[in-house]
Amino acid sequence: MELDREVVADLVDRYVNEGRTIEGLAAQYQFSYRAVRTALLGARVTLRPPKIPLPPTPPGMVNAYNGGRSIRQLAAMHGMSYCQTRRVLLAEGVQLRPRGRQ
């Protein structure tokens, strides 16, 4: 299914200039995700990487890290992966310590 040039131009404008998502555009225009994505790629739009939603920051996590706990310890305490715990701390504006024991 090829989309009309005018529709593709509108999709590109909304995606690039308004920051709309492919999912949102597909729902609004009643197209499939694949049709919108294919149209954007065909218009040579560089797609944004998907945002990975973060869980809410567990109470006390930031204070525990600032108090000397490691990211691995916090991950184990809160049942999260290392990467997820690190991203949560960064999202909270925590200045991470250098790797390894100093």
Protein backbone atom coordinates (compact mmCIF):
# COMPACT_ATOMS: atom_id res chain seq x y z
CA MET A 1 0.00 0.00 0.00
CA GLU A 2 1.61 3.22 -1.15
CA LEU A 3 0.50 6.43 0.49
CA ASP A 4 -0.41 9.68 -1.24
CA ARG A 5 2.47 12.22 -1.45
CA GLU A 6 0.48 14.80 0.46
CA VAL A 7 -0.20 12.33 3.29
CA VAL A 8 3.47 11.32 3.40
CA ALA A 9 4.51 14.99 3.57
CA ASP A 10 2.09 15.48 6.48
CA LEU A 11 3.42 12.38 8.25
CA VAL A 12 7.01 13.61 7.82
CA ASP A 13 6.12 17.07 9.12
CA ARG A 14 4.35 15.73 12.18
CA TYR A 15 7.10 13.20 12.92
CA VAL A 16 10.07 15.53 12.38
CA ASN A 17 8.73 18.94 13.45
CA GLU A 18 6.09 18.03 16.03
CA GLY A 19 7.91 15.03 17.52
CA ARG A 20 4.97 12.69 17.03
CA THR A 21 5.54 8.94 17.29
CA ILE A 22 5.01 6.36 14.59
CA GLU A 23 2.44 4.67 16.83
CA GLY A 24 0.54 7.93 17.29
CA LEU A 25 0.57 8.74 13.58
CA ALA A 26 -0.60 5.22 12.70
CA ALA A 27 -3.51 5.55 15.10
CA GLN A 28 -4.44 9.06 13.91
CA TYR A 29 -4.36 8.21 10.21
CA GLN A 30 -5.64 4.65 10.68
CA PHE A 31 -2.63 3.13 8.95
CA SER A 32 -0.54 0.25 10.17
CA TYR A 33 2.69 0.95 12.05
CA ARG A 34 4.56 -0.64 9.15
CA ALA A 35 2.90 1.63 6.55
CA VAL A 36 3.84 4.79 8.47
CA ARG A 37 7.39 3.56 9.12
CA THR A 38 7.85 2.59 5.47
CA ALA A 39 6.54 5.98 4.33
CA LEU A 40 8.93 7.83 6.64
CA LEU A 41 11.89 5.73 5.54
CA GLY A 42 10.89 6.22 1.90
CA ALA A 43 10.96 9.98 2.51
CA ARG A 44 14.51 9.53 3.87
CA VAL A 45 13.60 10.48 7.42
CA THR A 46 16.08 9.37 10.08
CA LEU A 47 13.99 7.56 12.65
CA ARG A 48 14.46 8.34 16.34
CA PRO A 49 15.48 5.45 18.59
CA PRO A 50 12.64 4.13 20.74
CA LYS A 51 12.46 5.50 24.26
CA ILE A 52 12.78 2.86 26.92
CA PRO A 53 10.33 3.59 29.72
CA LEU A 54 11.90 3.66 33.16
CA PRO A 55 10.23 2.33 36.26
CA PRO A 56 9.58 4.78 39.09
CA THR A 57 12.64 5.41 41.23
CA PRO A 58 12.43 3.25 44.34
CA PRO A 59 12.43 5.27 47.56
CA GLY A 60 15.90 5.68 48.99
CA MET A 61 17.77 4.49 45.90
CA VAL A 62 19.51 7.81 45.24
CA ASN A 63 20.46 8.25 48.90
CA ALA A 64 21.76 4.67 49.07
CA TYR A 65 23.95 5.24 46.00
CA ASN A 66 25.23 8.56 47.33
CA GLY A 67 25.89 6.79 50.63
CA GLY A 68 28.26 4.33 48.99
CA ARG A 69 26.16 1.43 47.68
CA SER A 70 27.11 0.18 44.23
CA ILE A 71 24.81 0.04 41.24
CA ARG A 72 24.98 -3.76 41.37
CA GLN A 73 23.97 -3.78 45.05
CA LEU A 74 21.05 -1.44 44.33
CA ALA A 75 19.96 -3.56 41.35
CA ALA A 76 19.88 -6.67 43.54
CA MET A 77 18.07 -4.85 46.37
CA HIS A 78 15.33 -3.54 44.07
CA GLY A 79 15.00 -6.50 41.69
CA MET A 80 16.21 -4.53 38.69
CA SER A 81 18.93 -5.08 36.10
CA TYR A 82 22.24 -3.23 36.33
CA CYS A 83 21.49 -1.21 33.18
CA GLN A 84 17.99 -0.28 34.31
CA THR A 85 19.30 0.80 37.73
CA ARG A 86 22.02 2.88 36.11
CA ARG A 87 19.51 4.58 33.78
CA VAL A 88 17.22 5.37 36.73
CA LEU A 89 20.09 6.97 38.64
CA LEU A 90 21.14 9.00 35.60
CA ALA A 91 17.53 10.12 35.03
CA GLU A 92 17.50 11.34 38.65
CA GLY A 93 20.56 13.47 37.92
CA VAL A 94 22.99 11.43 40.02
CA GLN A 95 26.70 11.96 39.29
CA LEU A 96 27.98 8.40 38.91
CA ARG A 97 31.25 7.39 40.52
CA PRO A 98 34.09 6.03 38.35
CA ARG A 99 34.03 2.29 37.74
CA GLY A 100 35.95 0.04 40.10
CA ARG A 101 37.15 0.72 43.60
CA GLN A 102 38.93 4.02 44.02
